[in-house]
Amino acid sequence: MKVTLYCKPTCCWTAGVKEVLQRYNIDYEEVNVSITENFLYMKAKTKQPYSPCLRIDDEWVVDVGGKELETYFNSRGIYTGMME
C-alpha cells in the first residue's frame, strides 16, 4: 500500500491522521500543502480545498481526521480496531 499524506504540519486533524498511520505501522510520504504548488495539486485532484487528504494507492480519502481514517481502514478490512 502506498500512502501519501497531504497536510498542514501544524493542523490538529493532521496529528490524528499521523497517529493512526503510526499506530498501524503504515509508511507514508508527507506533502506540505502550506506550499502553494502542493496545495494546488491536492485541490485539483480532490476537487476541494480542505486537508488533510490521503492518496492511498490510487484512491483519494479527503478532508479526514484520525477516527475517519480508521473507519476507512475498517470498512475495507485493511485494519481493525478503533481509537478511543
C-alpha atoms as a PDB file:
ATOM      1  CA  MET A   1       0.000   0.000   0.000  1.00  0.00           C
ATOM      2  CA  LYS A   2       1.401   3.391  -0.995  1.00  0.00           C
ATOM      3  CA  VAL A   3       0.185   6.287   1.163  1.00  0.00           C
ATOM      4  CA  THR A   4       0.772   9.983   0.612  1.00  0.00           C
ATOM      5  CA  LEU A   5      -0.487  12.432   3.235  1.00  0.00           C
ATOM      6  CA  TYR A   6      -1.293  15.947   2.013  1.00  0.00           C
ATOM      7  CA  CYS A   7      -1.429  18.151   5.091  1.00  0.00           C
ATOM      8  CA  LYS A   8      -0.519  21.258   7.021  1.00  0.00           C
ATOM      9  CA  PRO A   9       2.118  20.138   9.534  1.00  0.00           C
ATOM     10  CA  THR A  10       0.612  22.065  12.472  1.00  0.00           C
ATOM     11  CA  CYS A  11      -3.025  21.027  11.886  1.00  0.00           C
ATOM     12  CA  CYS A  12      -4.700  19.124  14.735  1.00  0.00           C
ATOM     13  CA  TRP A  13      -6.539  16.877  12.218  1.00  0.00           C
ATOM     14  CA  THR A  14      -3.175  16.012  10.696  1.00  0.00           C
ATOM     15  CA  ALA A  15      -1.911  14.922  14.118  1.00  0.00           C
ATOM     16  CA  GLY A  16      -4.808  12.457  14.405  1.00  0.00           C
ATOM     17  CA  VAL A  17      -4.191  11.035  10.930  1.00  0.00           C
ATOM     18  CA  LYS A  18      -0.473  10.611  11.647  1.00  0.00           C
ATOM     19  CA  GLU A  19      -1.303   8.858  14.921  1.00  0.00           C
ATOM     20  CA  VAL A  20      -3.435   6.299  13.060  1.00  0.00           C
ATOM     21  CA  LEU A  21      -0.780   5.744  10.401  1.00  0.00           C
ATOM     22  CA  GLN A  22       1.877   5.246  13.063  1.00  0.00           C
ATOM     23  CA  ARG A  23      -0.385   3.030  15.162  1.00  0.00           C
ATOM     24  CA  TYR A  24      -0.736   0.608  12.254  1.00  0.00           C
ATOM     25  CA  ASN A  25       2.906   0.991  11.187  1.00  0.00           C
ATOM     26  CA  ILE A  26       1.925   2.399   7.807  1.00  0.00           C
ATOM     27  CA  ASP A  27       4.761   4.087   5.946  1.00  0.00           C
ATOM     28  CA  TYR A  28       3.725   7.309   4.247  1.00  0.00           C
ATOM     29  CA  GLU A  29       5.109  10.269   2.384  1.00  0.00           C
ATOM     30  CA  GLU A  30       4.124  13.671   3.732  1.00  0.00           C
ATOM     31  CA  VAL A  31       3.388  16.588   1.406  1.00  0.00           C
ATOM     32  CA  ASN A  32       3.072  20.052   2.962  1.00  0.00           C
ATOM     33  CA  VAL A  33       0.041  21.855   1.485  1.00  0.00           C
ATOM     34  CA  SER A  34       1.147  25.135   3.041  1.00  0.00           C
ATOM     35  CA  ILE A  35       3.338  25.284  -0.073  1.00  0.00           C
ATOM     36  CA  THR A  36       1.183  26.742  -2.838  1.00  0.00           C
ATOM     37  CA  GLU A  37       2.223  24.280  -5.541  1.00  0.00           C
ATOM     38  CA  ASN A  38       1.350  21.301  -3.316  1.00  0.00           C
ATOM     39  CA  PHE A  39      -1.972  22.845  -2.281  1.00  0.00           C
ATOM     40  CA  LEU A  40      -2.978  23.486  -5.887  1.00  0.00           C
ATOM     41  CA  TYR A  41      -2.113  19.888  -6.827  1.00  0.00           C
ATOM     42  CA  MET A  42      -4.186  18.493  -3.947  1.00  0.00           C
ATOM     43  CA  LYS A  43      -7.099  20.803  -4.760  1.00  0.00           C
ATOM     44  CA  ALA A  44      -7.035  19.841  -8.452  1.00  0.00           C
ATOM     45  CA  LYS A  45      -7.041  16.114  -7.624  1.00  0.00           C
ATOM     46  CA  THR A  46      -9.627  16.164  -4.824  1.00  0.00           C
ATOM     47  CA  LYS A  47     -11.859  18.984  -6.114  1.00  0.00           C
ATOM     48  CA  GLN A  48     -11.879  20.560  -2.644  1.00  0.00           C
ATOM     49  CA  PRO A  49      -9.504  22.764  -0.591  1.00  0.00           C
ATOM     50  CA  TYR A  50      -9.517  21.044   2.796  1.00  0.00           C
ATOM     51  CA  SER A  51      -6.800  18.951   4.374  1.00  0.00           C
ATOM     52  CA  PRO A  52      -5.621  16.522   5.480  1.00  0.00           C
ATOM     53  CA  CYS A  53      -6.172  14.314   2.456  1.00  0.00           C
ATOM     54  CA  LEU A  54      -4.564  10.992   1.705  1.00  0.00           C
ATOM     55  CA  ARG A  55      -3.832   9.227  -1.502  1.00  0.00           C
ATOM     56  CA  ILE A  56      -3.924   5.528  -0.751  1.00  0.00           C
ATOM     57  CA  ASP A  57      -2.689   3.716  -3.828  1.00  0.00           C
ATOM     58  CA  ASP A  58      -4.935   5.325  -6.484  1.00  0.00           C
ATOM     59  CA  GLU A  59      -7.808   6.356  -4.200  1.00  0.00           C
ATOM     60  CA  TRP A  60      -8.201   9.750  -2.503  1.00  0.00           C
ATOM     61  CA  VAL A  61      -9.522   9.983   1.051  1.00  0.00           C
ATOM     62  CA  VAL A  62     -10.377  13.639   1.553  1.00  0.00           C
ATOM     63  CA  ASP A  63     -10.699  16.011   4.495  1.00  0.00           C
ATOM     64  CA  VAL A  64     -10.358  13.389   7.246  1.00  0.00           C
ATOM     65  CA  GLY A  65      -9.293  13.069  10.852  1.00  0.00           C
ATOM     66  CA  GLY A  66      -7.891  10.074  12.686  1.00  0.00           C
ATOM     67  CA  LYS A  67     -11.190   8.352  13.529  1.00  0.00           C
ATOM     68  CA  GLU A  68     -12.457   8.804   9.973  1.00  0.00           C
ATOM     69  CA  LEU A  69      -9.291   7.253   8.633  1.00  0.00           C
ATOM     70  CA  GLU A  70      -9.700   4.284  10.967  1.00  0.00           C
ATOM     71  CA  THR A  71     -13.295   3.922   9.772  1.00  0.00           C
ATOM     72  CA  TYR A  72     -11.999   3.904   6.188  1.00  0.00           C
ATOM     73  CA  PHE A  73      -9.466   1.167   7.010  1.00  0.00           C
ATOM     74  CA  ASN A  74     -12.039  -0.887   8.966  1.00  0.00           C
ATOM     75  CA  SER A  75     -14.693  -0.636   6.239  1.00  0.00           C
ATOM     76  CA  ARG A  76     -12.237  -2.097   3.742  1.00  0.00           C
ATOM     77  CA  GLY A  77     -10.954  -4.806   6.068  1.00  0.00           C
ATOM     78  CA  ILE A  78      -7.438  -3.360   5.956  1.00  0.00           C
ATOM     79  CA  TYR A  79      -7.077  -2.936   9.715  1.00  0.00           C
ATOM     80  CA  THR A  80      -9.499  -3.452  12.563  1.00  0.00           C
ATOM     81  CA  GLY A  81      -9.964  -1.719  15.861  1.00  0.00           C
ATOM     82  CA  MET A  82     -10.743   1.845  16.750  1.00  0.00           C
ATOM     83  CA  MET A  83      -9.039   4.592  18.685  1.00  0.00           C
ATOM     84  CA  GLU A  84     -10.644   5.632  21.932  1.00  0.00           C
END
